[in-house]
Protein backbone atom coordinates (compact mmCIF):
# COMPACT_ATOMS: atom_id res chain seq x y z
CA MET A 1 -108.62 31.54 29.94
CA LEU A 2 -109.99 35.05 30.04
CA ARG A 3 -109.62 37.59 27.27
CA ARG A 4 -106.58 39.73 27.65
CA GLY A 5 -107.11 42.45 30.31
CA ASP A 6 -110.11 40.77 31.90
CA ALA A 7 -108.20 39.32 34.86
CA ARG A 8 -106.87 42.74 35.95
CA ARG A 9 -110.34 43.76 37.20
CA TYR A 10 -110.39 40.93 39.66
CA ASN A 11 -106.93 40.60 41.20
CA SER A 12 -107.78 42.63 44.22
CA ALA A 13 -110.42 40.33 45.46
CA ARG A 14 -108.31 37.17 45.94
CA MET A 15 -108.88 35.43 49.26
CA PRO A 16 -106.08 36.08 51.83
CA ARG A 17 -103.75 33.02 52.30
CA THR A 18 -104.38 32.70 56.08
CA ASN A 19 -108.13 32.55 55.36
CA GLU A 20 -107.69 29.72 52.84
CA ARG A 21 -105.55 27.63 55.31
CA LEU A 22 -107.92 28.15 58.16
CA GLU A 23 -110.95 27.24 55.99
CA ALA A 24 -109.26 23.96 55.14
CA LEU A 25 -108.23 23.14 58.69
CA LEU A 26 -111.66 23.89 60.12
CA SER A 27 -113.36 21.93 57.51
CA GLU A 28 -111.11 19.01 58.29
CA TRP A 29 -111.92 19.50 61.96
CA ALA A 30 -115.60 19.28 61.22
CA ASP A 31 -115.15 16.02 59.27
CA LEU A 32 -113.04 14.52 62.16
CA LEU A 33 -115.71 15.49 64.65
CA GLU A 34 -118.45 13.84 62.56
CA ILE A 35 -116.30 10.64 62.18
CA SER A 36 -115.73 10.52 65.88
CA GLY A 37 -119.44 10.80 66.61
CA ALA A 38 -119.52 14.44 68.02
CA ASP A 39 -122.82 16.29 68.37
CA SER A 40 -124.22 17.54 64.99
CA PHE A 41 -124.49 21.08 66.22
CA ARG A 42 -120.82 21.07 67.04
CA VAL A 43 -119.95 19.73 63.67
CA ARG A 44 -122.15 22.40 62.11
CA ALA A 45 -120.40 25.12 64.22
CA TYR A 46 -117.00 24.18 62.63
CA GLN A 47 -118.49 24.01 59.13
CA LYS A 48 -119.91 27.51 59.52
CA ALA A 49 -116.66 28.94 61.06
CA ALA A 50 -114.71 27.41 58.14
CA ARG A 51 -116.93 29.23 55.64
CA ALA A 52 -116.82 32.44 57.80
CA ALA A 53 -113.05 32.43 58.00
CA GLY A 54 -112.54 31.50 54.26
CA GLY A 55 -114.98 34.20 53.07
CA HIS A 56 -113.91 37.05 55.30
CA SER A 57 -112.70 40.01 53.24
CA ARG A 58 -109.82 40.84 55.49
CA ASP A 59 -106.83 38.55 56.34
CA VAL A 60 -107.98 36.90 59.68
CA GLY A 61 -104.24 36.66 60.52
CA ASP A 62 -104.20 40.47 61.06
CA LEU A 63 -107.15 40.33 63.46
CA GLY A 64 -107.14 40.23 67.17
CA GLU A 65 -109.59 38.07 69.14
CA LYS A 66 -112.07 40.90 69.65
CA GLU A 67 -112.13 41.62 65.92
CA LEU A 68 -112.44 37.89 65.11
CA ARG A 69 -115.48 37.54 67.42
CA GLN A 70 -117.21 40.18 65.24
CA ILE A 71 -117.20 37.71 62.39
CA PRO A 72 -120.44 35.76 62.12
CA SER A 73 -120.18 32.16 63.34
CA ILE A 74 -116.84 32.88 65.18
CA GLY A 75 -117.21 33.07 68.95
CA ALA A 76 -114.61 33.42 71.74
CA HIS A 77 -113.63 29.73 71.68
CA MET A 78 -113.21 29.61 67.84
CA ALA A 79 -111.38 33.06 67.93
CA ALA A 80 -108.87 31.69 70.39
CA ARG A 81 -108.12 28.71 68.24
CA ILE A 82 -107.59 30.92 65.15
CA ARG A 83 -105.15 33.05 67.17
CA GLU A 84 -103.38 29.88 68.23
CA PHE A 85 -103.01 28.79 64.65
CA VAL A 86 -101.73 32.36 63.53
CA GLU A 87 -99.26 32.44 66.32
CA THR A 88 -97.97 28.77 66.26
CA GLY A 89 -98.82 27.40 62.88
CA THR A 90 -101.00 24.64 64.38
CA MET A 91 -103.93 23.97 66.65
CA HIS A 92 -103.24 21.60 69.48
CA ASP A 93 -106.77 20.17 69.81
CA LEU A 94 -106.89 19.43 66.07
CA GLU A 95 -103.65 17.58 66.23
CA GLU A 96 -104.93 15.39 69.06
CA LEU A 97 -108.07 14.69 67.02
CA ARG A 98 -106.06 13.57 64.09
CA GLU A 99 -104.35 11.07 66.26
CA LEU A 100 -107.71 9.69 67.55
CA VAL A 101 -109.20 9.18 64.14
CA PRO A 102 -107.78 6.26 62.25
CA ALA A 103 -106.03 7.33 58.94
CA GLY A 104 -107.98 4.69 57.00
CA LEU A 105 -111.36 6.23 58.04
CA ARG A 106 -110.16 9.66 56.91
CA GLU A 107 -109.19 8.08 53.61
CA LEU A 108 -112.66 6.46 53.20
CA THR A 109 -114.35 9.90 53.72
CA ARG A 110 -112.74 11.13 50.57
CA ILE A 111 -114.74 8.68 48.46
CA PRO A 112 -117.64 10.45 46.79
CA GLY A 113 -120.88 9.19 48.27
CA LEU A 114 -119.36 7.88 51.47
CA GLY A 115 -119.65 10.45 54.12
CA PRO A 116 -118.29 10.35 57.75
CA LYS A 117 -121.44 8.45 59.07
CA LYS A 118 -121.34 5.65 56.45
CA ALA A 119 -117.50 5.35 56.93
CA VAL A 120 -117.96 4.80 60.68
CA LEU A 121 -120.80 2.35 60.00
CA VAL A 122 -118.82 0.11 57.60
CA ASN A 123 -115.76 0.34 59.95
CA ARG A 124 -117.80 -0.67 62.96
CA GLU A 125 -119.94 -3.36 61.29
CA LEU A 126 -117.43 -4.82 58.82
CA GLY A 127 -113.96 -3.75 60.00
CA VAL A 128 -113.51 -1.82 56.80
CA ALA A 129 -110.65 0.69 57.41
CA SER A 130 -109.31 1.47 53.89
CA ILE A 131 -110.31 1.65 50.16
CA PRO A 132 -108.96 -1.89 49.43
CA ASP A 133 -111.06 -3.18 52.41
CA LEU A 134 -114.01 -1.50 50.98
CA LEU A 135 -113.49 -2.83 47.58
CA ASP A 136 -113.22 -6.33 49.00
CA ALA A 137 -116.43 -5.92 50.87
CA ILE A 138 -118.24 -4.80 47.74
CA GLU A 139 -116.84 -7.59 45.73
CA HIS A 140 -118.11 -10.22 48.30
CA GLN A 141 -121.40 -8.30 48.73
CA ARG A 142 -120.81 -7.94 52.48
CA LEU A 143 -122.13 -4.41 52.55
CA ARG A 144 -125.65 -5.85 52.01
CA ALA A 145 -125.58 -7.38 55.53
CA VAL A 146 -125.48 -4.00 57.03
CA LYS A 147 -128.78 -2.33 57.65
CA GLY A 148 -129.46 0.71 55.36
CA LEU A 149 -126.83 -0.58 52.71
CA GLY A 150 -127.49 -2.64 49.66
CA ALA A 151 -126.71 -3.33 46.01
CA LYS A 152 -127.45 0.37 45.04
CA THR A 153 -125.01 1.51 47.76
CA GLU A 154 -122.30 -0.83 46.33
CA GLU A 155 -122.90 0.55 42.84
CA ASN A 156 -122.69 4.17 44.05
CA LEU A 157 -119.51 3.51 45.97
CA LEU A 158 -117.78 1.89 43.10
CA ARG A 159 -118.64 4.92 41.05
CA GLY A 160 -117.23 7.17 43.82
CA ILE A 161 -114.03 5.20 44.05
CA ARG A 162 -113.52 5.52 40.26
CA ASN A 163 -114.34 9.25 40.56
CA LEU A 164 -111.67 9.56 43.33
CA ARG A 165 -109.10 7.71 41.36
CA GLU A 166 -109.74 9.83 38.28
CA HIS A 167 -108.99 12.97 40.18
CA GLY A 168 -106.62 11.64 42.73
CA GLY A 169 -103.31 13.53 42.92
CA ARG A 170 -104.94 16.34 40.94
CA MET A 171 -105.82 19.68 42.29
CA THR A 172 -108.76 21.99 41.60
CA LEU A 173 -108.26 24.80 39.26
CA ASP A 174 -108.40 27.52 41.98
CA VAL A 175 -105.67 25.84 44.01
CA ALA A 176 -103.43 25.49 41.01
CA LEU A 177 -104.07 29.05 39.82
CA ARG A 178 -103.20 30.53 43.30
CA VAL A 179 -99.89 28.60 43.36
CA ALA A 180 -99.12 29.59 39.82
CA GLU A 181 -99.89 33.24 40.44
CA ASP A 182 -97.86 33.33 43.56
CA VAL A 183 -94.77 31.88 41.76
CA ILE A 184 -95.32 34.28 38.79
CA GLU A 185 -95.56 37.25 41.23
CA GLU A 186 -92.17 36.20 42.84
CA LEU A 187 -90.42 35.74 39.50
CA ARG A 188 -91.72 38.79 37.67
CA GLY A 189 -89.76 41.14 39.76
CA ARG A 190 -86.52 39.48 38.82
CA ALA A 191 -84.26 41.39 36.31
CA ALA A 192 -83.56 38.17 34.49
CA VAL A 193 -87.20 37.47 33.73
CA GLU A 194 -88.56 39.22 30.62
CA GLU A 195 -91.82 37.28 30.31
CA VAL A 196 -93.46 34.75 32.56
CA ALA A 197 -96.74 32.88 32.26
CA TYR A 198 -98.45 29.62 33.13
CA ALA A 199 -99.05 27.17 30.34
CA GLY A 200 -100.35 23.54 29.85
CA SER A 201 -103.72 22.50 31.30
CA LEU A 202 -103.84 25.41 33.66
CA ARG A 203 -103.67 27.92 30.81
CA ARG A 204 -106.46 25.76 29.17
CA MET A 205 -108.30 26.14 32.51
CA GLN A 206 -109.21 22.45 32.88
CA ASP A 207 -111.25 21.83 36.00
CA THR A 208 -108.46 19.69 37.65
CA ILE A 209 -104.73 20.16 37.19
CA GLY A 210 -101.95 17.68 37.65
CA ASP A 211 -98.67 19.54 37.62
CA ILE A 212 -98.29 23.28 37.12
CA ASP A 213 -96.32 24.40 33.97
CA LEU A 214 -94.57 27.69 33.96
CA LEU A 215 -92.80 29.38 31.17
CA VAL A 216 -90.15 32.21 31.39
CA ALA A 217 -88.54 34.16 28.67
CA SER A 218 -84.91 35.14 29.61
CA THR A 219 -81.42 35.42 28.19
CA THR A 220 -79.90 34.13 31.54
CA ALA A 221 -81.59 30.88 32.16
CA PRO A 222 -79.28 29.94 35.16
CA GLU A 223 -80.21 32.97 37.04
CA VAL A 224 -83.91 32.22 36.64
CA THR A 225 -83.48 28.69 37.63
CA GLU A 226 -81.60 29.73 40.79
CA ALA A 227 -84.36 32.11 41.75
CA PHE A 228 -87.02 29.45 41.03
CA VAL A 229 -85.55 26.60 43.10
CA GLY A 230 -85.02 29.16 45.96
CA LEU A 231 -88.53 30.49 46.30
CA PRO A 232 -89.92 30.44 49.88
CA GLY A 233 -92.70 27.88 49.16
CA VAL A 234 -90.33 25.24 47.67
CA GLN A 235 -89.96 22.23 49.89
CA SER A 236 -87.78 20.11 47.63
CA VAL A 237 -86.11 20.27 44.12
CA VAL A 238 -87.15 17.31 41.92
CA ALA A 239 -85.04 18.18 38.87
CA ARG A 240 -82.73 21.00 37.98
CA GLY A 241 -81.13 21.78 34.59
CA ASP A 242 -80.04 24.53 32.33
CA THR A 243 -83.58 25.36 31.01
CA LYS A 244 -85.92 22.88 32.79
CA SER A 245 -86.52 22.55 36.48
CA SER A 246 -89.16 20.98 38.77
CA VAL A 247 -89.93 21.51 42.41
CA LEU A 248 -92.40 20.35 45.05
CA THR A 249 -94.16 22.98 47.18
CA ALA A 250 -94.80 22.69 50.86
CA LYS A 251 -98.28 21.33 49.97
CA GLY A 252 -96.78 18.61 47.72
CA LEU A 253 -97.64 20.30 44.50
CA GLN A 254 -95.24 19.95 41.54
CA VAL A 255 -94.39 23.09 39.58
CA ASP A 256 -92.37 22.64 36.39
CA LEU A 257 -90.43 25.54 34.87
CA ARG A 258 -89.06 25.89 31.37
CA VAL A 259 -86.87 28.92 30.39
CA VAL A 260 -86.80 29.92 26.63
CA ALA A 261 -85.17 32.67 24.70
CA PRO A 262 -87.24 35.86 24.29
CA GLU A 263 -87.31 35.66 20.52
CA VAL A 264 -89.23 32.24 20.65
CA TRP A 265 -91.62 33.26 23.46
CA GLY A 266 -94.71 33.05 21.32
CA ALA A 267 -93.92 29.71 19.71
CA ALA A 268 -93.04 28.26 23.10
CA LEU A 269 -96.26 29.49 24.70
CA GLN A 270 -98.33 28.04 21.84
CA TYR A 271 -96.48 24.78 21.98
CA PHE A 272 -96.72 24.31 25.71
CA THR A 273 -100.33 25.52 26.08
CA GLY A 274 -102.09 23.33 23.51
CA SER A 275 -103.24 19.79 24.25
CA LYS A 276 -101.19 17.09 22.47
CA ALA A 277 -104.08 16.61 20.04
CA HIS A 278 -104.26 20.37 19.17
CA ASN A 279 -100.61 20.51 18.63
CA VAL A 280 -100.68 17.49 16.27
CA LYS A 281 -103.29 19.43 14.12
CA THR A 282 -101.33 22.64 14.08
CA ARG A 283 -98.04 20.69 13.12
CA ALA A 284 -99.95 18.95 10.35
CA ILE A 285 -101.06 22.24 8.92
CA ALA A 286 -97.48 23.39 9.00
CA VAL A 287 -96.30 20.27 7.11
CA LYS A 288 -98.78 20.89 4.37
CA LYS A 289 -97.34 24.41 3.97
CA GLY A 290 -93.77 23.12 3.79
CA LEU A 291 -93.04 24.40 7.27
CA LYS A 292 -91.98 22.86 10.61
CA LEU A 293 -93.57 23.95 13.86
CA SER A 294 -91.93 23.40 17.30
CA GLU A 295 -91.46 25.21 20.71
CA TYR A 296 -88.62 27.09 18.94
CA GLY A 297 -90.83 28.59 16.06
CA LEU A 298 -92.25 28.03 12.65
CA PHE A 299 -89.54 27.20 10.07
CA GLU A 300 -89.13 26.72 6.34
CA VAL A 301 -88.27 23.14 5.88
CA GLU A 302 -85.98 23.76 2.88
CA SER A 303 -84.10 26.84 4.05
CA GLY A 304 -84.38 26.42 7.70
CA ARG A 305 -85.43 30.15 8.01
CA ARG A 306 -87.55 30.92 11.04
CA ILE A 307 -90.67 32.81 9.95
CA ALA A 308 -92.60 33.29 13.22
CA SER A 309 -91.88 32.72 16.77
CA ARG A 310 -92.05 35.95 18.88
CA THR A 311 -95.83 36.03 19.57
CA GLU A 312 -98.62 33.42 19.47
CA GLU A 313 -100.56 35.71 17.14
CA GLU A 314 -97.85 35.70 14.51
CA VAL A 315 -97.32 31.86 14.77
CA TYR A 316 -101.11 31.20 14.20
CA ALA A 317 -101.30 33.90 11.45
CA ALA A 318 -98.31 32.20 9.64
CA LEU A 319 -100.28 28.94 9.68
CA GLY A 320 -103.29 30.70 8.17
CA LEU A 321 -105.22 30.70 11.53
CA PRO A 322 -106.62 33.33 13.81
CA TRP A 323 -105.31 33.36 17.37
CA ILE A 324 -107.25 30.65 19.23
CA LEU A 325 -108.22 31.13 22.88
CA PRO A 326 -106.15 28.87 25.05
CA THR A 327 -109.40 27.49 26.60
CA MET A 328 -110.35 26.13 23.10
CA ARG A 329 -107.18 24.23 22.50
CA GLU A 330 -108.34 20.81 23.12
CA ASP A 331 -108.82 19.43 19.57
CA ALA A 332 -112.52 19.80 19.90
CA GLY A 333 -113.02 21.11 16.48
CA GLU A 334 -111.40 24.53 17.01
CA VAL A 335 -108.77 24.06 14.39
CA GLU A 336 -111.26 23.02 11.76
CA ALA A 337 -113.56 25.95 12.63
CA ALA A 338 -110.62 28.35 12.46
CA LEU A 339 -109.64 27.12 9.00
CA ARG A 340 -113.25 27.63 7.93
CA GLY A 341 -113.28 31.16 9.43
CA ASP A 342 -116.21 30.50 11.66
CA LEU A 343 -114.49 30.25 15.04
CA PRO A 344 -117.07 31.53 17.57
CA ASP A 345 -116.62 34.73 19.51
CA LEU A 346 -116.82 33.21 23.06
CA VAL A 347 -118.21 34.97 26.10
CA SER A 348 -115.66 36.91 28.30
CA LEU A 349 -115.65 38.35 31.75
CA GLY A 350 -116.13 41.70 30.30
CA ASP A 351 -119.26 40.67 28.62
CA LEU A 352 -121.08 39.89 31.95
CA ARG A 353 -123.61 42.42 33.27
CA GLY A 354 -124.48 40.71 36.60
CA ASP A 355 -124.52 37.65 38.75
CA LEU A 356 -127.75 35.65 39.15
CA HIS A 357 -126.95 33.43 42.16
CA GLY A 358 -125.68 34.59 45.58
CA HIS A 359 -126.31 34.11 49.29
CA THR A 360 -126.17 36.13 52.52
CA ASP A 361 -125.85 35.41 56.26
CA SER A 362 -129.71 35.08 56.24
CA THR A 363 -129.05 31.48 55.29
CA ASP A 364 -125.68 29.89 54.97
CA GLY A 365 -123.55 32.88 53.71
CA VAL A 366 -120.95 34.57 55.87
CA ALA A 367 -121.60 38.16 54.85
CA THR A 368 -124.53 40.53 55.31
CA LEU A 369 -126.98 41.66 52.56
CA GLU A 370 -125.28 45.03 52.47
CA GLU A 371 -121.67 43.59 52.17
CA MET A 372 -122.60 41.26 49.25
CA LEU A 373 -124.30 44.12 47.43
CA GLY A 374 -121.51 46.36 47.99
CA ALA A 375 -119.11 43.86 46.65
CA ALA A 376 -121.24 43.14 43.61
CA ALA A 377 -121.71 46.88 42.82
CA ALA A 378 -117.87 47.42 43.10
CA ARG A 379 -117.47 45.03 40.24
CA GLY A 380 -119.61 47.36 38.06
CA TYR A 381 -122.52 44.90 37.76
CA ALA A 382 -125.86 46.33 36.36
CA TYR A 383 -127.75 43.75 38.42
CA TYR A 384 -127.34 41.26 41.19
CA ALA A 385 -129.71 38.55 42.35
CA VAL A 386 -129.94 37.67 45.96
CA THR A 387 -131.01 34.04 46.13
CA ASP A 388 -130.92 32.75 49.74
CA HIS A 389 -132.03 29.22 50.35
CA ALA A 390 -135.70 28.33 50.60
CA GLU A 391 -137.28 26.84 53.64
CA LYS A 392 -136.94 23.00 52.85
CA LEU A 393 -133.07 23.13 53.01
CA HIS A 394 -132.46 21.55 56.44
CA MET A 395 -131.05 24.27 58.95
CA SER A 396 -130.45 26.89 56.27
CA GLY A 397 -133.59 27.83 54.53
CA MET A 398 -135.66 30.93 55.11
CA LYS A 399 -139.21 30.76 56.36
CA ARG A 400 -141.78 32.85 54.37
CA GLU A 401 -141.95 35.61 56.85
CA THR A 402 -138.13 35.97 56.73
CA VAL A 403 -138.38 36.06 52.93
CA LEU A 404 -140.79 38.93 53.06
CA GLU A 405 -138.60 40.85 55.52
CA GLN A 406 -135.63 40.46 53.23
CA ARG A 407 -137.63 41.68 50.30
CA ASP A 408 -138.46 44.86 52.26
CA ARG A 409 -134.79 45.35 53.18
CA ILE A 410 -133.77 44.92 49.49
CA ARG A 411 -136.29 47.51 48.46
CA SER A 412 -135.10 50.02 50.99
CA LEU A 413 -131.46 49.42 50.07
CA GLN A 414 -131.94 49.96 46.29
CA GLY A 415 -131.34 53.70 46.64
CA ARG A 416 -127.85 53.09 47.97
CA PHE A 417 -126.91 51.28 44.70
CA PRO A 418 -128.39 53.50 41.98
CA THR A 419 -126.41 51.89 39.15
CA MET A 420 -127.18 48.36 40.08
CA ALA A 421 -130.55 46.72 40.18
CA ILE A 422 -131.11 44.36 43.18
CA LEU A 423 -133.24 41.36 42.18
CA HIS A 424 -134.92 39.54 45.02
CA GLY A 425 -134.61 35.93 44.37
CA CYS A 426 -134.41 32.57 46.01
CA GLU A 427 -132.59 29.22 45.50
CA LEU A 428 -135.35 26.72 45.69
CA ASN A 429 -135.00 22.93 46.71
CA ILE A 430 -136.06 20.43 43.97
CA ASP A 431 -137.90 17.72 45.92
CA ARG A 432 -137.66 14.03 45.09
CA ASP A 433 -140.72 14.43 42.87
CA GLY A 434 -139.63 17.71 41.44
CA GLY A 435 -141.80 19.84 43.70
CA LEU A 436 -140.48 23.25 45.13
CA ASP A 437 -140.62 24.82 48.56
CA TYR A 438 -143.39 27.28 48.04
CA PRO A 439 -146.68 27.38 46.17
CA ASP A 440 -146.83 29.32 42.90
CA GLU A 441 -148.66 32.39 44.38
CA PHE A 442 -145.76 32.83 46.68
CA LEU A 443 -143.15 32.24 43.91
CA ALA A 444 -144.79 34.87 41.81
CA GLY A 445 -143.54 37.64 44.21
CA PHE A 446 -139.88 36.90 43.45
CA ASP A 447 -137.88 38.75 40.69
CA PHE A 448 -135.77 35.68 39.85
CA LEU A 449 -135.68 32.00 40.86
CA VAL A 450 -132.99 29.35 40.86
CA ALA A 451 -133.96 25.77 41.61
CA SER A 452 -131.35 23.16 42.61
CA ILE A 453 -131.02 19.63 43.84
CA HIS A 454 -129.58 19.46 47.43
CA SER A 455 -130.47 15.95 48.46
CA ARG A 456 -131.27 12.37 47.22
CA PHE A 457 -128.40 12.31 44.74
CA ASN A 458 -128.61 8.55 44.13
CA LEU A 459 -132.12 8.22 42.56
CA PRO A 460 -132.52 5.91 39.61
CA ARG A 461 -132.04 7.56 36.23
CA ASP A 462 -135.76 7.67 35.24
CA GLU A 463 -136.78 9.15 38.56
CA MET A 464 -133.95 11.71 38.54
CA THR A 465 -134.80 12.87 35.12
CA ARG A 466 -138.49 13.27 35.90
CA ARG A 467 -137.54 15.21 38.92
CA LEU A 468 -135.48 17.70 37.00
CA LEU A 469 -137.99 17.87 34.07
CA ARG A 470 -140.79 18.85 36.45
CA ALA A 471 -138.75 21.57 37.95
CA ILE A 472 -137.79 22.90 34.46
CA GLU A 473 -141.43 22.91 33.46
CA ASN A 474 -142.50 25.01 36.38
CA PRO A 475 -143.17 28.55 34.98
CA PHE A 476 -141.45 30.35 37.92
CA VAL A 477 -138.07 28.46 37.67
CA ASN A 478 -135.60 30.62 35.71
CA VAL A 479 -132.34 28.63 36.23
CA ILE A 480 -131.45 25.16 37.27
CA GLY A 481 -128.54 25.54 39.64
CA HIS A 482 -125.51 23.21 39.51
CA PRO A 483 -127.64 20.79 37.37
CA THR A 484 -125.62 17.64 37.75
CA THR A 485 -124.64 18.36 41.50
CA ARG A 486 -121.20 17.04 41.11
CA MET A 487 -118.46 18.09 43.61
CA ILE A 488 -115.09 17.58 41.90
CA GLY A 489 -113.34 14.56 43.59
CA ARG A 490 -116.00 14.15 46.11
CA ARG A 491 -119.41 13.49 44.60
CA PRO A 492 -120.08 12.28 41.06
CA GLU A 493 -122.73 13.58 38.71
CA VAL A 494 -126.30 12.47 39.24
CA ASP A 495 -127.50 9.74 36.85
CA VAL A 496 -129.78 11.74 34.56
CA ASP A 497 -130.92 11.73 30.93
CA LEU A 498 -129.12 14.89 30.11
CA GLU A 499 -130.33 15.04 26.61
CA ALA A 500 -133.89 15.27 27.85
CA VAL A 501 -132.88 17.87 30.42
CA LEU A 502 -131.06 20.05 27.89
CA SER A 503 -133.88 19.85 25.32
CA ALA A 504 -136.56 20.77 27.99
CA ALA A 505 -134.57 23.74 29.15
CA ALA A 506 -134.28 25.00 25.61
CA ARG A 507 -137.99 24.46 24.93
CA THR A 508 -139.32 26.14 28.05
CA GLY A 509 -136.89 28.94 28.27
CA THR A 510 -135.13 27.78 31.33
CA ALA A 511 -131.50 28.61 31.76
CA LEU A 512 -128.92 26.06 32.93
CA GLU A 513 -126.12 27.18 35.29
CA VAL A 514 -122.47 27.10 35.14
CA ASN A 515 -121.73 27.20 38.73
CA CYS A 516 -118.38 29.00 39.19
CA HIS A 517 -117.33 27.40 42.40
CA PRO A 518 -114.12 25.75 41.67
CA ASP A 519 -115.27 22.47 43.52
CA ARG A 520 -118.29 22.34 41.21
CA LEU A 521 -117.89 23.98 37.77
CA ASP A 522 -121.27 22.45 36.96
CA LEU A 523 -122.36 22.34 34.16
CA ARG A 524 -118.99 21.16 33.00
CA ASP A 525 -117.42 22.22 29.64
CA GLU A 526 -118.69 19.29 27.48
CA HIS A 527 -122.35 19.76 28.90
CA VAL A 528 -122.17 23.42 28.13
CA ARG A 529 -121.37 22.71 24.60
CA TRP A 530 -124.28 20.23 24.38
CA ALA A 531 -126.55 22.88 25.81
CA VAL A 532 -125.34 25.41 23.29
CA GLU A 533 -125.92 22.96 20.49
CA ARG A 534 -129.58 22.48 21.68
CA GLY A 535 -130.30 26.15 22.06
CA ALA A 536 -130.45 26.36 25.79
CA ALA A 537 -129.51 29.59 27.54
CA ILE A 538 -126.69 29.48 30.15
CA ALA A 539 -126.30 31.51 33.32
CA ILE A 540 -122.66 31.87 34.61
CA SER A 541 -123.16 32.33 38.33
CA THR A 542 -120.81 32.37 41.28
CA ASP A 543 -123.25 30.90 43.88
CA ALA A 544 -121.29 33.35 46.26
CA HIS A 545 -121.46 32.84 49.97
CA ALA A 546 -119.00 35.65 50.73
CA PRO A 547 -117.69 38.73 48.93
CA THR A 548 -114.40 36.90 47.90
CA HIS A 549 -116.36 34.19 46.22
CA LEU A 550 -117.37 36.72 43.53
CA GLU A 551 -113.89 36.33 42.25
CA ASN A 552 -114.78 32.82 41.16
CA MET A 553 -116.61 34.13 38.17
CA ARG A 554 -113.36 33.74 36.08
CA PHE A 555 -113.49 30.02 36.61
CA GLY A 556 -117.06 29.79 35.35
CA VAL A 557 -116.30 31.92 32.30
CA ALA A 558 -113.29 29.62 31.46
CA THR A 559 -115.50 26.56 31.82
CA ALA A 560 -118.16 28.27 29.60
CA GLN A 561 -115.37 29.09 26.96
CA ARG A 562 -114.20 25.47 27.02
CA GLY A 563 -117.89 24.62 26.09
CA TRP A 564 -117.91 27.24 23.26
CA LEU A 565 -120.39 29.50 24.86
CA THR A 566 -121.02 32.89 23.21
CA LYS A 567 -122.33 36.17 24.61
CA ALA A 568 -125.59 35.63 22.85
CA ARG A 569 -126.42 32.42 24.65
CA THR A 570 -125.18 33.81 28.19
CA LEU A 571 -128.20 35.06 30.21
CA ASN A 572 -126.28 37.25 32.42
CA ALA A 573 -124.47 38.89 29.43
CA ARG A 574 -127.78 40.40 28.61
CA SER A 575 -129.19 43.77 29.80
CA LEU A 576 -131.41 43.99 32.82
CA ARG A 577 -134.37 44.63 30.58
CA ASP A 578 -133.62 41.42 28.61
CA VAL A 579 -133.33 39.45 31.98
CA ARG A 580 -136.62 40.71 33.08
CA GLU A 581 -138.14 39.75 29.68
CA PHE A 582 -136.69 36.33 30.00
CA VAL A 583 -138.42 35.92 33.36
CA ALA A 584 -141.65 37.25 32.04
CA ARG A 585 -141.75 35.11 28.91
CA LYS A 586 -141.69 31.93 31.02
CA ARG A 587 -144.40 33.15 33.17
CA GLY A 588 -146.54 33.75 30.22
CA LYS A 589 -146.63 37.54 30.55
């Protein structure tokens, strides 16, 4: 949850809906092509086109074929297919491909750690065509008969299936937030609606969401309900009552609505936002004071008089507590801290001075250097780090001569952005042994360096830990990017001694990243709190590959807040001078 007013700065940058749908469809197309054995360059072309469509600043549905062909990675053939989708709502060739690829194989590719190639392999060699088939093969150790697979593969796939089941049926934070914001936008204009907000796990900004909870204040609940169930995106009505209703959207997402009287708005918002355990704590405080707390307000038990209900602030104040940020309401010690008067002042969007991880079309981004810099400057940043991939990232990294050319371009562009310093950086690849792409003398020429794991995710714990520790010890590495490498619902965290990693980061003056991409949110909230407790610095970075990705900063801030991160421990909440000193200190200058 952002501090009040923070979100208003970012609403204009939301990705157009057509772009989102196209990115999902083209990504699916790439997966289906890989499953069916298509040429790797063709698969790559669809992956790049998906990112290009998703990251384009304009709604691609408004563009003609000629304008579409001007977008990097979208040629005449792809432009025609995009126009087909815009005009008909589908793509004929994609529908045919869906028919050709068995549904079971598509299900298998959803398992973290089992990509299209392995799915095809176990299908061809063992007849595995579903998750139950795969579990049976693992149980009877049949995977070990397939060349290239073994006991470690079985262990990783079991972990991947557990990960899939943990997140199955849940949506990522960005998907849930877009649906909620769309519904709120529709309802806000209705005369019967006095207040409207999302609540529950979405307002607490958990990394995945089950159902979306909405709350409306109104004196005419039936009118609100009628408007809600009749919204354009509603596919079916699950339940409909005087004050409670549930619908399924066209994408199969459930949205639950509760209508309350305006005078109890604050009490209801507090009640329907907090986790069950948080609410147990606040109700216990009420009982000790001879009060009763519910969604209808805070009442004196003896007299039945309602003493607080209109705002959350007055409800918390009547309990003897300060207002607690929604992102903290998980019973993680926030109530006890509030009672002691030492609730931390958490970092907010407004505290951030810059972004320290971003890409351009020089590697796998979809926007030019100038476009990315312009988007960052428009957000009022004091600095922005351009960190394109280094040379060892297959098919995406920059050779040294290209790096130097980009550095010259950045220096020449600095005058166009007088209020924003442009830091020339790089996202380095951490090799299996912890080595990096370039020698130290070349690394010394960069302003800022991020180092990340992009391969070999299944190394044994000791080896993975040594790998990360060596990178952290390097005097030129300033941030470890997406440290656990997780992809929510698709790839589990690497097996690493996180205690050793966090301690080494604090000792060496190396920041750890909260990667803001909603598919990552890595470090996750719990790990952020561990890092804070050990004294490590945190960089909240978007890892943007398109201008619209800069909007993801709010997801990273929410994750950081859930980990109790303060402004003081946030690297990119510091001034440019402080960031430069952070870099210089590690280099021994």
